[in-house]
Amino acid sequence: MARDSKNIIRLRIHKRIRRRVAGTPERPRLAVFRSVKHIYAQVIDDTKGHTVAAASSAEGEAKNGGNVAGAKSIGKLVAERAKDKGIKAVVFDRGGYLYHGRIKALADAAREAGLEF
C-alpha cells in the first residue's frame, strides 16, 4: 500500500468520487484530466455516455496547458463551448486530483465564463 504510485492512488480517489458524481442531461459532468504537458476538460452526459463539449491544450488554438495560465484558457474555452450547446450548469469532477493549482484555475475560469457549479 505504501508503495502505490501517485496515479494508482489518484484513480482510487477518482473511483470514490464517481460513486457520487454523475452527469445528467440537465446537469452534465465537467471532467478534468491533467498530464505534465496538457490539460483536458470534457462535459459529459453519463446517462447517454456522450461527450457534449470538450477542450484541451493539445488542440492547435490553445495555449500551453502545463501551467496555470493554460488551464485558465481551457476552462474558459470549455465553458464557452458548453454554453453554445445550451448548458448552463454542470457537476465538477476533479478526477481524483487535489482542488489546487491547474485544476482550481480551470474551474474558476469556467465559473467566470458562465458555467454554474
PDB file of N, CA and C in Angstrom:
ATOM      1  N   MET A   1       0.835  -1.199   0.000  1.00  0.00           N
ATOM      2  CA  MET A   1       0.000   0.000   0.000  1.00  0.00           C
ATOM      3  C   MET A   1       0.870   1.249   0.000  1.00  0.00           C
ATOM      4  N   ALA A   2       1.925   1.255   0.791  1.00  0.00           N
ATOM      5  CA  ALA A   2       2.762   2.441   0.904  1.00  0.00           C
ATOM      6  C   ALA A   2       3.560   2.710  -0.363  1.00  0.00           C
ATOM      7  N   ARG A   3       3.682   1.714  -1.233  1.00  0.00           N
ATOM      8  CA  ARG A   3       4.487   1.882  -2.428  1.00  0.00           C
ATOM      9  C   ARG A   3       3.631   2.131  -3.670  1.00  0.00           C
ATOM     10  N   ASP A   4       2.332   2.360  -3.518  1.00  0.00           N
ATOM     11  CA  ASP A   4       1.475   2.652  -4.670  1.00  0.00           C
ATOM     12  C   ASP A   4       1.941   3.915  -5.361  1.00  0.00           C
ATOM     13  N   SER A   5       1.850   3.908  -6.668  1.00  0.00           N
ATOM     14  CA  SER A   5       2.222   5.117  -7.398  1.00  0.00           C
ATOM     15  C   SER A   5       1.148   6.176  -7.203  1.00  0.00           C
ATOM     16  N   LYS A   6       1.510   7.409  -7.486  1.00  0.00           N
ATOM     17  CA  LYS A   6       0.556   8.509  -7.320  1.00  0.00           C
ATOM     18  C   LYS A   6      -0.658   8.318  -8.206  1.00  0.00           C
ATOM     19  N   ASN A   7      -0.449   7.775  -9.410  1.00  0.00           N
ATOM     20  CA  ASN A   7      -1.575   7.610 -10.325  1.00  0.00           C
ATOM     21  C   ASN A   7      -2.548   6.544  -9.832  1.00  0.00           C
ATOM     22  N   ILE A   8      -2.048   5.473  -9.235  1.00  0.00           N
ATOM     23  CA  ILE A   8      -2.930   4.436  -8.691  1.00  0.00           C
ATOM     24  C   ILE A   8      -3.764   5.022  -7.555  1.00  0.00           C
ATOM     25  N   ILE A   9      -3.144   5.819  -6.712  1.00  0.00           N
ATOM     26  CA  ILE A   9      -3.862   6.471  -5.621  1.00  0.00           C
ATOM     27  C   ILE A   9      -4.912   7.424  -6.190  1.00  0.00           C
ATOM     28  N   ARG A  10      -4.525   8.216  -7.228  1.00  0.00           N
ATOM     29  CA  ARG A  10      -5.461   9.152  -7.854  1.00  0.00           C
ATOM     30  C   ARG A  10      -6.654   8.406  -8.439  1.00  0.00           C
ATOM     31  N   LEU A  11      -6.408   7.281  -9.095  1.00  0.00           N
ATOM     32  CA  LEU A  11      -7.503   6.508  -9.690  1.00  0.00           C
ATOM     33  C   LEU A  11      -8.440   5.959  -8.617  1.00  0.00           C
ATOM     34  N   ARG A  12      -7.891   5.567  -7.465  1.00  0.00           N
ATOM     35  CA  ARG A  12      -8.723   5.091  -6.371  1.00  0.00           C
ATOM     36  C   ARG A  12      -9.617   6.218  -5.853  1.00  0.00           C
ATOM     37  N   ILE A  13      -9.052   7.413  -5.728  1.00  0.00           N
ATOM     38  CA  ILE A  13      -9.824   8.575  -5.279  1.00  0.00           C
ATOM     39  C   ILE A  13     -10.890   8.927  -6.319  1.00  0.00           C
ATOM     40  N   HIS A  14     -10.507   8.859  -7.601  1.00  0.00           N
ATOM     41  CA  HIS A  14     -11.452   9.183  -8.678  1.00  0.00           C
ATOM     42  C   HIS A  14     -12.634   8.220  -8.664  1.00  0.00           C
ATOM     43  N   LYS A  15     -12.360   6.942  -8.438  1.00  0.00           N
ATOM     44  CA  LYS A  15     -13.435   5.959  -8.370  1.00  0.00           C
ATOM     45  C   LYS A  15     -14.401   6.292  -7.235  1.00  0.00           C
ATOM     46  N   ARG A  16     -13.849   6.728  -6.109  1.00  0.00           N
ATOM     47  CA  ARG A  16     -14.671   7.103  -4.957  1.00  0.00           C
ATOM     48  C   ARG A  16     -15.527   8.323  -5.283  1.00  0.00           C
ATOM     49  N   ILE A  17     -14.956   9.290  -5.995  1.00  0.00           N
ATOM     50  CA  ILE A  17     -15.701  10.494  -6.379  1.00  0.00           C
ATOM     51  C   ILE A  17     -16.826  10.131  -7.343  1.00  0.00           C
ATOM     52  N   ARG A  18     -16.516   9.231  -8.301  1.00  0.00           N
ATOM     53  CA  ARG A  18     -17.500   8.887  -9.331  1.00  0.00           C
ATOM     54  C   ARG A  18     -18.696   8.117  -8.771  1.00  0.00           C
ATOM     55  N   ARG A  19     -18.576   7.545  -7.586  1.00  0.00           N
ATOM     56  CA  ARG A  19     -19.732   6.904  -6.970  1.00  0.00           C
ATOM     57  C   ARG A  19     -20.820   7.922  -6.672  1.00  0.00           C
ATOM     58  N   ARG A  20     -20.412   9.161  -6.394  1.00  0.00           N
ATOM     59  CA  ARG A  20     -21.363  10.214  -6.034  1.00  0.00           C
ATOM     60  C   ARG A  20     -21.671  11.167  -7.168  1.00  0.00           C
ATOM     61  N   VAL A  21     -20.723  11.381  -8.069  1.00  0.00           N
ATOM     62  CA  VAL A  21     -20.865  12.397  -9.106  1.00  0.00           C
ATOM     63  C   VAL A  21     -21.226  11.734 -10.427  1.00  0.00           C
ATOM     64  N   ALA A  22     -22.377  12.129 -10.978  1.00  0.00           N
ATOM     65  CA  ALA A  22     -22.799  11.619 -12.286  1.00  0.00           C
ATOM     66  C   ALA A  22     -23.461  12.749 -13.054  1.00  0.00           C
ATOM     67  N   GLY A  23     -23.243  12.762 -14.350  1.00  0.00           N
ATOM     68  CA  GLY A  23     -23.813  13.797 -15.194  1.00  0.00           C
ATOM     69  C   GLY A  23     -25.171  13.399 -15.731  1.00  0.00           C
ATOM     70  N   THR A  24     -26.084  14.337 -15.746  1.00  0.00           N
ATOM     71  CA  THR A  24     -27.417  14.134 -16.303  1.00  0.00           C
ATOM     72  C   THR A  24     -27.571  15.054 -17.513  1.00  0.00           C
ATOM     73  N   PRO A  25     -28.621  14.871 -18.322  1.00  0.00           N
ATOM     74  CA  PRO A  25     -28.807  15.793 -19.454  1.00  0.00           C
ATOM     75  C   PRO A  25     -28.978  17.248 -19.011  1.00  0.00           C
ATOM     76  N   GLU A  26     -29.626  17.473 -17.858  1.00  0.00           N
ATOM     77  CA  GLU A  26     -29.832  18.836 -17.364  1.00  0.00           C
ATOM     78  C   GLU A  26     -28.554  19.407 -16.761  1.00  0.00           C
ATOM     79  N   ARG A  27     -27.788  18.525 -16.122  1.00  0.00           N
ATOM     80  CA  ARG A  27     -26.575  18.963 -15.424  1.00  0.00           C
ATOM     81  C   ARG A  27     -25.449  17.964 -15.667  1.00  0.00           C
ATOM     82  N   PRO A  28     -24.770  18.085 -16.813  1.00  0.00           N
ATOM     83  CA  PRO A  28     -23.704  17.122 -17.132  1.00  0.00           C
ATOM     84  C   PRO A  28     -22.468  17.309 -16.252  1.00  0.00           C
ATOM     85  N   ARG A  29     -21.556  16.358 -16.368  1.00  0.00           N
ATOM     86  CA  ARG A  29     -20.346  16.326 -15.547  1.00  0.00           C
ATOM     87  C   ARG A  29     -19.197  16.995 -16.299  1.00  0.00           C
ATOM     88  N   LEU A  30     -18.518  17.929 -15.642  1.00  0.00           N
ATOM     89  CA  LEU A  30     -17.314  18.552 -16.195  1.00  0.00           C
ATOM     90  C   LEU A  30     -16.115  17.785 -15.651  1.00  0.00           C
ATOM     91  N   ALA A  31     -15.566  16.887 -16.483  1.00  0.00           N
ATOM     92  CA  ALA A  31     -14.462  16.034 -16.068  1.00  0.00           C
ATOM     93  C   ALA A  31     -13.143  16.642 -16.505  1.00  0.00           C
ATOM     94  N   VAL A  32     -12.149  16.572 -15.632  1.00  0.00           N
ATOM     95  CA  VAL A  32     -10.847  17.174 -15.891  1.00  0.00           C
ATOM     96  C   VAL A  32      -9.776  16.092 -15.811  1.00  0.00           C
ATOM     97  N   PHE A  33      -8.845  16.124 -16.775  1.00  0.00           N
ATOM     98  CA  PHE A  33      -7.670  15.257 -16.736  1.00  0.00           C
ATOM     99  C   PHE A  33      -6.453  16.126 -16.997  1.00  0.00           C
ATOM    100  N   ARG A  34      -5.418  15.920 -16.209  1.00  0.00           N
ATOM    101  CA  ARG A  34      -4.207  16.696 -16.452  1.00  0.00           C
ATOM    102  C   ARG A  34      -3.018  15.763 -16.585  1.00  0.00           C
ATOM    103  N   SER A  35      -2.167  16.098 -17.535  1.00  0.00           N
ATOM    104  CA  SER A  35      -0.892  15.411 -17.672  1.00  0.00           C
ATOM    105  C   SER A  35       0.195  16.452 -17.410  1.00  0.00           C
ATOM    106  N   VAL A  36       1.431  16.088 -17.586  1.00  0.00           N
ATOM    107  CA  VAL A  36       2.505  17.031 -17.331  1.00  0.00           C
ATOM    108  C   VAL A  36       2.468  18.172 -18.348  1.00  0.00           C
ATOM    109  N   LYS A  37       2.187  17.837 -19.620  1.00  0.00           N
ATOM    110  CA  LYS A  37       2.220  18.843 -20.693  1.00  0.00           C
ATOM    111  C   LYS A  37       0.876  19.503 -20.956  1.00  0.00           C
ATOM    112  N   HIS A  38      -0.228  18.770 -20.769  1.00  0.00           N
ATOM    113  CA  HIS A  38      -1.532  19.252 -21.207  1.00  0.00           C
ATOM    114  C   HIS A  38      -2.593  19.113 -20.120  1.00  0.00           C
ATOM    115  N   ILE A  39      -3.729  19.774 -20.382  1.00  0.00           N
ATOM    116  CA  ILE A  39      -4.904  19.626 -19.523  1.00  0.00           C
ATOM    117  C   ILE A  39      -6.117  19.469 -20.433  1.00  0.00           C
ATOM    118  N   TYR A  40      -7.022  18.594 -20.058  1.00  0.00           N
ATOM    119  CA  TYR A  40      -8.183  18.256 -20.872  1.00  0.00           C
ATOM    120  C   TYR A  40      -9.439  18.435 -20.036  1.00  0.00           C
ATOM    121  N   ALA A  41     -10.511  18.930 -20.656  1.00  0.00           N
ATOM    122  CA  ALA A  41     -11.791  19.076 -19.962  1.00  0.00           C
ATOM    123  C   ALA A  41     -12.903  18.606 -20.883  1.00  0.00           C
ATOM    124  N   GLN A  42     -13.830  17.829 -20.350  1.00  0.00           N
ATOM    125  CA  GLN A  42     -14.969  17.335 -21.112  1.00  0.00           C
ATOM    126  C   GLN A  42     -16.243  17.560 -20.321  1.00  0.00           C
ATOM    127  N   VAL A  43     -17.307  17.907 -21.027  1.00  0.00           N
ATOM    128  CA  VAL A  43     -18.635  17.994 -20.430  1.00  0.00           C
ATOM    129  C   VAL A  43     -19.374  16.744 -20.903  1.00  0.00           C
ATOM    130  N   ILE A  44     -19.712  15.858 -19.949  1.00  0.00           N
ATOM    131  CA  ILE A  44     -20.203  14.518 -20.273  1.00  0.00           C
ATOM    132  C   ILE A  44     -21.605  14.295 -19.720  1.00  0.00           C
ATOM    133  N   ASP A  45     -22.493  13.759 -20.577  1.00  0.00           N
ATOM    134  CA  ASP A  45     -23.813  13.296 -20.152  1.00  0.00           C
ATOM    135  C   ASP A  45     -23.683  11.800 -19.887  1.00  0.00           C
ATOM    136  N   ASP A  46     -23.648  11.398 -18.623  1.00  0.00           N
ATOM    137  CA  ASP A  46     -23.413   9.999 -18.273  1.00  0.00           C
ATOM    138  C   ASP A  46     -24.601   9.095 -18.559  1.00  0.00           C
ATOM    139  N   THR A  47     -25.812   9.634 -18.679  1.00  0.00           N
ATOM    140  CA  THR A  47     -26.955   8.780 -18.971  1.00  0.00           C
ATOM    141  C   THR A  47     -26.843   8.206 -20.384  1.00  0.00           C
ATOM    142  N   LYS A  48     -26.357   8.993 -21.324  1.00  0.00           N
ATOM    143  CA  LYS A  48     -26.161   8.529 -22.700  1.00  0.00           C
ATOM    144  C   LYS A  48     -24.729   8.070 -22.949  1.00  0.00           C
ATOM    145  N   GLY A  49     -23.802   8.532 -22.106  1.00  0.00           N
ATOM    146  CA  GLY A  49     -22.402   8.215 -22.319  1.00  0.00           C
ATOM    147  C   GLY A  49     -21.787   9.048 -23.426  1.00  0.00           C
ATOM    148  N   HIS A  50     -22.302  10.270 -23.619  1.00  0.00           N
ATOM    149  CA  HIS A  50     -21.821  11.141 -24.694  1.00  0.00           C
ATOM    150  C   HIS A  50     -21.062  12.338 -24.133  1.00  0.00           C
ATOM    151  N   THR A  51     -20.027  12.733 -24.854  1.00  0.00           N
ATOM    152  CA  THR A  51     -19.329  13.972 -24.549  1.00  0.00           C
ATOM    153  C   THR A  51     -20.037  15.094 -25.286  1.00  0.00           C
ATOM    154  N   VAL A  52     -20.549  16.064 -24.545  1.00  0.00           N
ATOM    155  CA  VAL A  52     -21.309  17.162 -25.124  1.00  0.00           C
ATOM    156  C   VAL A  52     -20.372  18.247 -25.642  1.00  0.00           C
ATOM    157  N   ALA A  53     -19.350  18.579 -24.854  1.00  0.00           N
ATOM    158  CA  ALA A  53     -18.374  19.601 -25.242  1.00  0.00           C
ATOM    159  C   ALA A  53     -17.028  19.214 -24.652  1.00  0.00           C
ATOM    160  N   ALA A  54     -15.964  19.617 -25.329  1.00  0.00           N
ATOM    161  CA  ALA A  54     -14.626  19.298 -24.844  1.00  0.00           C
ATOM    162  C   ALA A  54     -13.647  20.372 -25.277  1.00  0.00           C
ATOM    163  N   ALA A  55     -12.572  20.497 -24.522  1.00  0.00           N
ATOM    164  CA  ALA A  55     -11.485  21.396 -24.882  1.00  0.00           C
ATOM    165  C   ALA A  55     -10.209  20.841 -24.267  1.00  0.00           C
ATOM    166  N   SER A  56      -9.101  21.037 -24.961  1.00  0.00           N
ATOM    167  CA  SER A  56      -7.833  20.596 -24.416  1.00  0.00           C
ATOM    168  C   SER A  56      -6.711  21.485 -24.910  1.00  0.00           C
ATOM    169  N   SER A  57      -5.640  21.491 -24.154  1.00  0.00           N
ATOM    170  CA  SER A  57      -4.477  22.281 -24.537  1.00  0.00           C
ATOM    171  C   SER A  57      -3.717  21.606 -25.666  1.00  0.00           C
ATOM    172  N   ALA A  58      -4.059  20.366 -25.997  1.00  0.00           N
ATOM    173  CA  ALA A  58      -3.414  19.671 -27.107  1.00  0.00           C
ATOM    174  C   ALA A  58      -3.956  20.157 -28.457  1.00  0.00           C
ATOM    175  N   GLU A  59      -5.069  20.884 -28.445  1.00  0.00           N
ATOM    176  CA  GLU A  59      -5.610  21.452 -29.681  1.00  0.00           C
ATOM    177  C   GLU A  59      -4.669  22.546 -30.181  1.00  0.00           C
ATOM    178  N   GLY A  60      -4.767  22.861 -31.437  1.00  0.00           N
ATOM    179  CA  GLY A  60      -3.862  23.836 -32.025  1.00  0.00           C
ATOM    180  C   GLY A  60      -4.034  25.243 -31.508  1.00  0.00           C
ATOM    181  N   GLU A  61      -5.287  25.662 -31.279  1.00  0.00           N
ATOM    182  CA  GLU A  61      -5.553  27.060 -30.902  1.00  0.00           C
ATOM    183  C   GLU A  61      -5.254  27.370 -29.438  1.00  0.00           C
ATOM    184  N   ALA A  62      -5.078  26.343 -28.625  1.00  0.00           N
ATOM    185  CA  ALA A  62      -4.912  26.548 -27.184  1.00  0.00           C
ATOM    186  C   ALA A  62      -3.465  26.865 -26.824  1.00  0.00           C
ATOM    187  N   LYS A  63      -3.338  27.516 -25.672  1.00  0.00           N
ATOM    188  CA  LYS A  63      -2.012  27.821 -25.140  1.00  0.00           C
ATOM    189  C   LYS A  63      -1.457  26.611 -24.410  1.00  0.00           C
ATOM    190  N   ASN A  64      -0.330  26.777 -23.799  1.00  0.00           N
ATOM    191  CA  ASN A  64       0.295  25.713 -23.025  1.00  0.00           C
ATOM    192  C   ASN A  64      -0.624  25.287 -21.880  1.00  0.00           C
ATOM    193  N   GLY A  65      -0.842  24.000 -21.724  1.00  0.00           N
ATOM    194  CA  GLY A  65      -1.685  23.507 -20.642  1.00  0.00           C
ATOM    195  C   GLY A  65      -0.901  23.049 -19.448  1.00  0.00           C
ATOM    196  N   GLY A  66       0.412  23.121 -19.531  1.00  0.00           N
ATOM    197  CA  GLY A  66       1.249  22.677 -18.437  1.00  0.00           C
ATOM    198  C   GLY A  66       1.399  23.705 -17.342  1.00  0.00           C
ATOM    199  N   ASN A  67       0.697  24.831 -17.456  1.00  0.00           N
ATOM    200  CA  ASN A  67       0.770  25.846 -16.417  1.00  0.00           C
ATOM    201  C   ASN A  67      -0.620  26.398 -16.106  1.00  0.00           C
ATOM    202  N   VAL A  68      -0.707  27.241 -15.103  1.00  0.00           N
ATOM    203  CA  VAL A  68      -1.992  27.754 -14.632  1.00  0.00           C
ATOM    204  C   VAL A  68      -2.661  28.626 -15.703  1.00  0.00           C
ATOM    205  N   ALA A  69      -1.888  29.405 -16.441  1.00  0.00           N
ATOM    206  CA  ALA A  69      -2.455  30.264 -17.479  1.00  0.00           C
ATOM    207  C   ALA A  69      -3.111  29.424 -18.576  1.00  0.00           C
ATOM    208  N   GLY A  70      -2.477  28.324 -18.946  1.00  0.00           N
ATOM    209  CA  GLY A  70      -3.056  27.430 -19.947  1.00  0.00           C
ATOM    210  C   GLY A  70      -4.328  26.789 -19.445  1.00  0.00           C
ATOM    211  N   ALA A  71      -4.361  26.415 -18.171  1.00  0.00           N
ATOM    212  CA  ALA A  71      -5.560  25.812 -17.587  1.00  0.00           C
ATOM    213  C   ALA A  71      -6.715  26.806 -17.570  1.00  0.00           C
ATOM    214  N   LYS A  72      -6.412  28.085 -17.309  1.00  0.00           N
ATOM    215  CA  LYS A  72      -7.459  29.112 -17.329  1.00  0.00           C
ATOM    216  C   LYS A  72      -8.053  29.246 -18.721  1.00  0.00           C
ATOM    217  N   SER A  73      -7.209  29.224 -19.748  1.00  0.00           N
ATOM    218  CA  SER A  73      -7.718  29.367 -21.109  1.00  0.00           C
ATOM    219  C   SER A  73      -8.588  28.169 -21.500  1.00  0.00           C
ATOM    220  N   ILE A  74      -8.234  26.970 -21.045  1.00  0.00           N
ATOM    221  CA  ILE A  74      -9.032  25.778 -21.343  1.00  0.00           C
ATOM    222  C   ILE A  74     -10.356  25.826 -20.585  1.00  0.00           C
ATOM    223  N   GLY A  75     -10.348  26.299 -19.355  1.00  0.00           N
ATOM    224  CA  GLY A  75     -11.593  26.449 -18.593  1.00  0.00           C
ATOM    225  C   GLY A  75     -12.558  27.397 -19.274  1.00  0.00           C
ATOM    226  N   LYS A  76     -12.035  28.501 -19.756  1.00  0.00           N
ATOM    227  CA  LYS A  76     -12.871  29.472 -20.467  1.00  0.00           C
ATOM    228  C   LYS A  76     -13.409  28.879 -21.767  1.00  0.00           C
ATOM    229  N   LEU A  77     -12.543  28.174 -22.496  1.00  0.00           N
ATOM    230  CA  LEU A  77     -12.929  27.590 -23.775  1.00  0.00           C
ATOM    231  C   LEU A  77     -13.997  26.514 -23.620  1.00  0.00           C
ATOM    232  N   VAL A  78     -13.846  25.630 -22.625  1.00  0.00           N
ATOM    233  CA  VAL A  78     -14.840  24.574 -22.441  1.00  0.00           C
ATOM    234  C   VAL A  78     -16.173  25.159 -21.979  1.00  0.00           C
ATOM    235  N   ALA A  79     -16.141  26.227 -21.187  1.00  0.00           N
ATOM    236  CA  ALA A  79     -17.382  26.878 -20.747  1.00  0.00           C
ATOM    237  C   ALA A  79     -18.107  27.514 -21.921  1.00  0.00           C
ATOM    238  N   GLU A  80     -17.359  28.150 -22.815  1.00  0.00           N
ATOM    239  CA  GLU A  80     -17.982  28.757 -23.997  1.00  0.00           C
ATOM    240  C   GLU A  80     -18.603  27.699 -24.890  1.00  0.00           C
ATOM    241  N   ARG A  81     -17.912  26.588 -25.096  1.00  0.00           N
ATOM    242  CA  ARG A  81     -18.444  25.515 -25.942  1.00  0.00           C
ATOM    243  C   ARG A  81     -19.669  24.869 -25.317  1.00  0.00           C
ATOM    244  N   ALA A  82     -19.683  24.733 -23.987  1.00  0.00           N
ATOM    245  CA  ALA A  82     -20.845  24.158 -23.303  1.00  0.00           C
ATOM    246  C   ALA A  82     -22.039  25.111 -23.404  1.00  0.00           C
ATOM    247  N   LYS A  83     -21.785  26.417 -23.243  1.00  0.00           N
ATOM    248  CA  LYS A  83     -22.877  27.383 -23.335  1.00  0.00           C
ATOM    249  C   LYS A  83     -23.454  27.433 -24.743  1.00  0.00           C
ATOM    250  N   ASP A  84     -22.618  27.218 -25.757  1.00  0.00           N
ATOM    251  CA  ASP A  84     -23.110  27.157 -27.139  1.00  0.00           C
ATOM    252  C   ASP A  84     -24.072  25.993 -27.341  1.00  0.00           C
ATOM    253  N   LYS A  85     -23.876  24.916 -26.572  1.00  0.00           N
ATOM    254  CA  LYS A  85     -24.763  23.744 -26.656  1.00  0.00           C
ATOM    255  C   LYS A  85     -25.967  23.876 -25.728  1.00  0.00           C
ATOM    256  N   GLY A  86     -26.088  25.007 -25.029  1.00  0.00           N
ATOM    257  CA  GLY A  86     -27.232  25.244 -24.163  1.00  0.00           C
ATOM    258  C   GLY A  86     -27.069  24.721 -22.749  1.00  0.00           C
ATOM    259  N   ILE A  87     -25.854  24.516 -22.298  1.00  0.00           N
ATOM    260  CA  ILE A  87     -25.604  24.013 -20.951  1.00  0.00           C
ATOM    261  C   ILE A  87     -25.192  25.170 -20.057  1.00  0.00           C
ATOM    262  N   LYS A  88     -25.935  25.328 -18.958  1.00  0.00           N
ATOM    263  CA  LYS A  88     -25.635  26.420 -18.018  1.00  0.00           C
ATOM    264  C   LYS A  88     -25.016  25.905 -16.732  1.00  0.00           C
ATOM    265  N   ALA A  89     -25.444  24.704 -16.283  1.00  0.00           N
ATOM    266  CA  ALA A  89     -24.981  24.167 -15.001  1.00  0.00           C
ATOM    267  C   ALA A  89     -24.326  22.807 -15.217  1.00  0.00           C
ATOM    268  N   VAL A  90     -23.249  22.561 -14.486  1.00  0.00           N
ATOM    269  CA  VAL A  90     -22.542  21.282 -14.556  1.00  0.00           C
ATOM    270  C   VAL A  90     -22.205  20.801 -13.156  1.00  0.00           C
ATOM    271  N   VAL A  91     -21.774  19.546 -13.068  1.00  0.00           N
ATOM    272  CA  VAL A  91     -21.237  18.979 -11.834  1.00  0.00           C
ATOM    273  C   VAL A  91     -19.738  18.836 -12.067  1.00  0.00           C
ATOM    274  N   PHE A  92     -18.919  19.348 -11.161  1.00  0.00           N
ATOM    275  CA  PHE A  92     -17.476  19.327 -11.369  1.00  0.00           C
ATOM    276  C   PHE A  92     -16.876  18.011 -10.884  1.00  0.00           C
ATOM    277  N   ASP A  93     -16.115  17.367 -11.755  1.00  0.00           N
ATOM    278  CA  ASP A  93     -15.416  16.119 -11.430  1.00  0.00           C
ATOM    279  C   ASP A  93     -13.922  16.396 -11.538  1.00  0.00           C
ATOM    280  N   ARG A  94     -13.261  16.493 -10.394  1.00  0.00           N
ATOM    281  CA  ARG A  94     -11.845  16.867 -10.384  1.00  0.00           C
ATOM    282  C   ARG A  94     -10.935  15.712 -10.742  1.00  0.00           C
ATOM    283  N   GLY A  95     -11.476  14.539 -10.988  1.00  0.00           N
ATOM    284  CA  GLY A  95     -10.705  13.414 -11.496  1.00  0.00           C
ATOM    285  C   GLY A  95      -9.716  12.811 -10.518  1.00  0.00           C
ATOM    286  N   GLY A  96      -9.940  13.014  -9.231  1.00  0.00           N
ATOM    287  CA  GLY A  96      -9.030  12.468  -8.234  1.00  0.00           C
ATOM    288  C   GLY A  96      -7.857  13.376  -7.907  1.00  0.00           C
ATOM    289  N   TYR A  97      -7.760  14.496  -8.610  1.00  0.00           N
ATOM    290  CA  TYR A  97      -6.691  15.451  -8.344  1.00  0.00           C
ATOM    291  C   TYR A  97      -7.114  16.360  -7.194  1.00  0.00           C
ATOM    292  N   LEU A  98      -6.148  16.941  -6.502  1.00  0.00           N
ATOM    293  CA  LEU A  98      -6.455  17.917  -5.477  1.00  0.00           C
ATOM    294  C   LEU A  98      -7.037  19.160  -6.128  1.00  0.00           C
ATOM    295  N   TYR A  99      -7.991  19.803  -5.470  1.00  0.00           N
ATOM    296  CA  TYR A  99      -8.577  21.042  -5.985  1.00  0.00           C
ATOM    297  C   TYR A  99      -7.597  22.166  -5.689  1.00  0.00           C
ATOM    298  N   HIS A 100      -6.600  22.284  -6.561  1.00  0.00           N
ATOM    299  CA  HIS A 100      -5.481  23.169  -6.315  1.00  0.00           C
ATOM    300  C   HIS A 100      -4.761  23.393  -7.637  1.00  0.00           C
ATOM    301  N   GLY A 101      -4.109  24.511  -7.793  1.00  0.00           N
ATOM    302  CA  GLY A 101      -3.271  24.741  -8.961  1.00  0.00           C
ATOM    303  C   GLY A 101      -4.048  24.792 -10.265  1.00  0.00           C
ATOM    304  N   ARG A 102      -3.653  23.934 -11.212  1.00  0.00           N
ATOM    305  CA  ARG A 102      -4.268  23.954 -12.546  1.00  0.00           C
ATOM    306  C   ARG A 102      -5.737  23.547 -12.516  1.00  0.00           C
ATOM    307  N   ILE A 103      -6.096  22.599 -11.635  1.00  0.00           N
ATOM    308  CA  ILE A 103      -7.491  22.150 -11.542  1.00  0.00           C
ATOM    309  C   ILE A 103      -8.366  23.300 -11.045  1.00  0.00           C
ATOM    310  N   LYS A 104      -7.918  23.989 -10.020  1.00  0.00           N
ATOM    311  CA  LYS A 104      -8.658  25.125  -9.469  1.00  0.00           C
ATOM    312  C   LYS A 104      -8.730  26.261 -10.485  1.00  0.00           C
ATOM    313  N   ALA A 105      -7.656  26.520 -11.208  1.00  0.00           N
ATOM    314  CA  ALA A 105      -7.635  27.585 -12.210  1.00  0.00           C
ATOM    315  C   ALA A 105      -8.639  27.302 -13.324  1.00  0.00           C
ATOM    316  N   LEU A 106      -8.707  26.044 -13.765  1.00  0.00           N
ATOM    317  CA  LEU A 106      -9.671  25.665 -14.804  1.00  0.00           C
ATOM    318  C   LEU A 106     -11.096  25.852 -14.296  1.00  0.00           C
ATOM    319  N   ALA A 107     -11.367  25.415 -13.076  1.00  0.00           N
ATOM    320  CA  ALA A 107     -12.715  25.535 -12.508  1.00  0.00           C
ATOM    321  C   ALA A 107     -13.120  27.001 -12.344  1.00  0.00           C
ATOM    322  N   ASP A 108     -12.212  27.827 -11.832  1.00  0.00           N
ATOM    323  CA  ASP A 108     -12.516  29.246 -11.637  1.00  0.00           C
ATOM    324  C   ASP A 108     -12.772  29.946 -12.967  1.00  0.00           C
ATOM    325  N   ALA A 109     -11.988  29.604 -13.992  1.00  0.00           N
ATOM    326  CA  ALA A 109     -12.172  30.216 -15.315  1.00  0.00           C
ATOM    327  C   ALA A 109     -13.500  29.793 -15.932  1.00  0.00           C
ATOM    328  N   ALA A 110     -13.888  28.530 -15.724  1.00  0.00           N
ATOM    329  CA  ALA A 110     -15.183  28.067 -16.244  1.00  0.00           C
ATOM    330  C   ALA A 110     -16.340  28.779 -15.529  1.00  0.00           C
ATOM    331  N   ARG A 111     -16.198  28.997 -14.234  1.00  0.00           N
ATOM    332  CA  ARG A 111     -17.224  29.742 -13.493  1.00  0.00           C
ATOM    333  C   ARG A 111     -17.333  31.183 -13.997  1.00  0.00           C
ATOM    334  N   GLU A 112     -16.181  31.826 -14.201  1.00  0.00           N
ATOM    335  CA  GLU A 112     -16.178  33.218 -14.678  1.00  0.00           C
ATOM    336  C   GLU A 112     -16.789  33.329 -16.062  1.00  0.00           C
ATOM    337  N   ALA A 113     -16.628  32.278 -16.882  1.00  0.00           N
ATOM    338  CA  ALA A 113     -17.181  32.283 -18.240  1.00  0.00           C
ATOM    339  C   ALA A 113     -18.671  31.969 -18.261  1.00  0.00           C
ATOM    340  N   GLY A 114     -19.260  31.652 -17.090  1.00  0.00           N
ATOM    341  CA  GLY A 114     -20.712  31.491 -17.029  1.00  0.00           C
ATOM    342  C   GLY A 114     -21.248  30.142 -16.659  1.00  0.00           C
ATOM    343  N   LEU A 115     -20.401  29.136 -16.453  1.00  0.00           N
ATOM    344  CA  LEU A 115     -20.911  27.825 -16.008  1.00  0.00           C
ATOM    345  C   LEU A 115     -21.177  27.862 -14.516  1.00  0.00           C
ATOM    346  N   GLU A 116     -22.271  27.232 -14.105  1.00  0.00           N
ATOM    347  CA  GLU A 116     -22.624  27.204 -12.676  1.00  0.00           C
ATOM    348  C   GLU A 116     -22.288  25.833 -12.096  1.00  0.00           C
ATOM    349  N   PHE A 117     -21.522  25.820 -11.040  1.00  0.00           N
ATOM    350  CA  PHE A 117     -21.272  24.606 -10.259  1.00  0.00           C
ATOM    351  C   PHE A 117     -20.650  24.974  -8.934  1.00  0.00           C
TER     352      PHE A 117
END
